[in-house]
Protein backbone atom coordinates (compact mmCIF):
# COMPACT_ATOMS: atom_id res chain seq x y z
CA UNK A 1 -60.82 79.24 103.56
CA UNK A 2 -63.98 77.32 102.60
CA UNK A 3 -65.26 76.47 98.63
CA UNK A 4 -69.17 77.18 98.51
CA UNK A 5 -70.13 75.17 95.43
CA UNK A 6 -73.44 76.37 93.71
CA UNK A 7 -74.71 74.52 89.58
CA UNK A 8 -71.29 73.63 89.73
CA UNK A 9 -69.07 77.09 90.19
CA UNK A 10 -67.37 77.76 93.02
CA UNK A 11 -67.30 80.95 95.67
CA UNK A 12 -64.09 81.23 97.92
CA UNK A 13 -65.51 82.22 101.71
CA UNK A 14 -63.70 83.46 104.81
CA UNK A 15 -65.11 82.87 108.07
CA UNK A 16 -62.53 84.26 110.15
CA UNK A 17 -62.22 84.86 113.89
CA UNK A 18 -60.32 88.11 114.65
CA UNK A 19 -59.83 88.87 118.82
CA UNK A 20 -60.01 93.06 118.93
CA UNK A 21 -62.70 95.04 120.97
CA UNK A 22 -66.48 95.97 120.11
CA UNK A 23 -66.57 99.57 120.15
CA UNK A 24 -70.01 101.57 120.22
CA UNK A 25 -69.99 105.61 120.21
CA UNK A 26 -72.18 107.22 122.86
CA UNK A 27 -74.98 108.45 120.47
CA UNK A 28 -75.63 105.03 118.53
CA UNK A 29 -76.55 101.81 119.64
CA UNK A 30 -74.63 100.19 116.58
CA UNK A 31 -70.71 98.44 116.97
CA UNK A 32 -67.60 98.69 115.59
CA UNK A 33 -64.20 96.28 115.77
CA UNK A 34 -61.16 97.91 114.69
CA UNK A 35 -58.99 94.96 114.52
CA UNK A 36 -61.77 93.19 112.40
CA UNK A 37 -61.46 96.72 109.60
CA UNK A 38 -57.29 95.87 110.19
CA UNK A 39 -58.89 91.82 108.86
CA UNK A 40 -60.29 93.07 106.02
CA UNK A 41 -58.01 95.30 104.53
CA UNK A 42 -55.43 92.61 104.63
CA UNK A 43 -57.69 90.78 102.57
CA UNK A 44 -58.93 92.65 100.40
CA UNK A 45 -55.27 93.98 99.08
CA UNK A 46 -54.17 90.41 99.16
CA UNK A 47 -57.62 90.03 96.69
CA UNK A 48 -57.20 92.43 94.47
CA UNK A 49 -52.94 92.84 94.18
CA UNK A 50 -51.84 89.27 95.63
CA UNK A 51 -53.70 86.83 94.09
CA UNK A 52 -53.11 84.36 91.22
CA UNK A 53 -56.57 84.63 89.31
CA UNK A 54 -57.04 89.16 88.99
CA UNK A 55 -60.61 90.01 91.23
CA UNK A 56 -61.80 93.13 90.38
CA UNK A 57 -64.09 95.11 93.82
CA UNK A 58 -67.10 94.37 92.38
CA UNK A 59 -66.36 90.10 92.84
CA UNK A 60 -65.86 91.00 96.64
CA UNK A 61 -68.19 91.28 99.18
CA UNK A 62 -67.76 91.67 102.68
CA UNK A 63 -70.82 90.61 105.50
CA UNK A 64 -71.34 93.31 108.67
CA UNK A 65 -74.52 93.58 110.30
CA UNK A 66 -73.54 96.80 112.34
CA UNK A 67 -73.28 100.37 110.48
CA UNK A 68 -70.91 101.91 112.71
CA UNK A 69 -68.78 98.64 111.36
CA UNK A 70 -69.58 99.81 107.60
CA UNK A 71 -68.79 103.68 107.97
CA UNK A 72 -65.49 102.25 109.81
CA UNK A 73 -64.40 100.47 106.89
CA UNK A 74 -65.39 102.62 104.38
CA UNK A 75 -63.19 105.44 105.95
CA UNK A 76 -60.51 103.24 106.01
CA UNK A 77 -60.82 102.15 102.34
CA UNK A 78 -61.31 105.78 101.43
CA UNK A 79 -58.08 106.61 103.35
CA UNK A 80 -55.41 104.15 101.35
CA UNK A 81 -55.39 105.33 97.88
CA UNK A 82 -54.20 101.61 96.53
CA UNK A 83 -57.77 101.13 96.58
CA UNK A 84 -60.08 101.06 93.89
CA UNK A 85 -63.65 102.49 94.14
CA UNK A 86 -66.15 100.12 96.36
CA UNK A 87 -69.44 100.44 97.03
CA UNK A 88 -70.63 99.74 100.45
CA UNK A 89 -74.14 99.25 101.38
CA UNK A 90 -75.40 98.56 104.19
CA UNK A 91 -78.57 96.62 105.92
CA UNK A 92 -80.89 98.79 105.02
CA UNK A 93 -79.73 99.32 101.53
CA UNK A 94 -78.53 103.31 101.79
CA UNK A 95 -75.10 103.06 99.65
CA UNK A 96 -72.05 104.46 100.74
CA UNK A 97 -69.73 105.39 97.24
CA UNK A 98 -65.86 104.60 97.92
């Protein structure tokens, strides 16, 4: 984990390479990777439930340039009732409520 400091405040950042396969639906120019979705959900679970310092969903940021990846994360978060409500924003400020 990398700690980025701005004005003396530390922000944890994670850059994690995931081996997987990028997939694309026939009708869409966007991409998604199921293995990355699983890894992101694992990080979210650890941050929310296994963290020494309590973390709120609003304090977690996940960046993806692909709309289908955002939708895959949205679907996976909705399917898991253990996760509290999340708001996901894609690159054009479309908002998906989880």
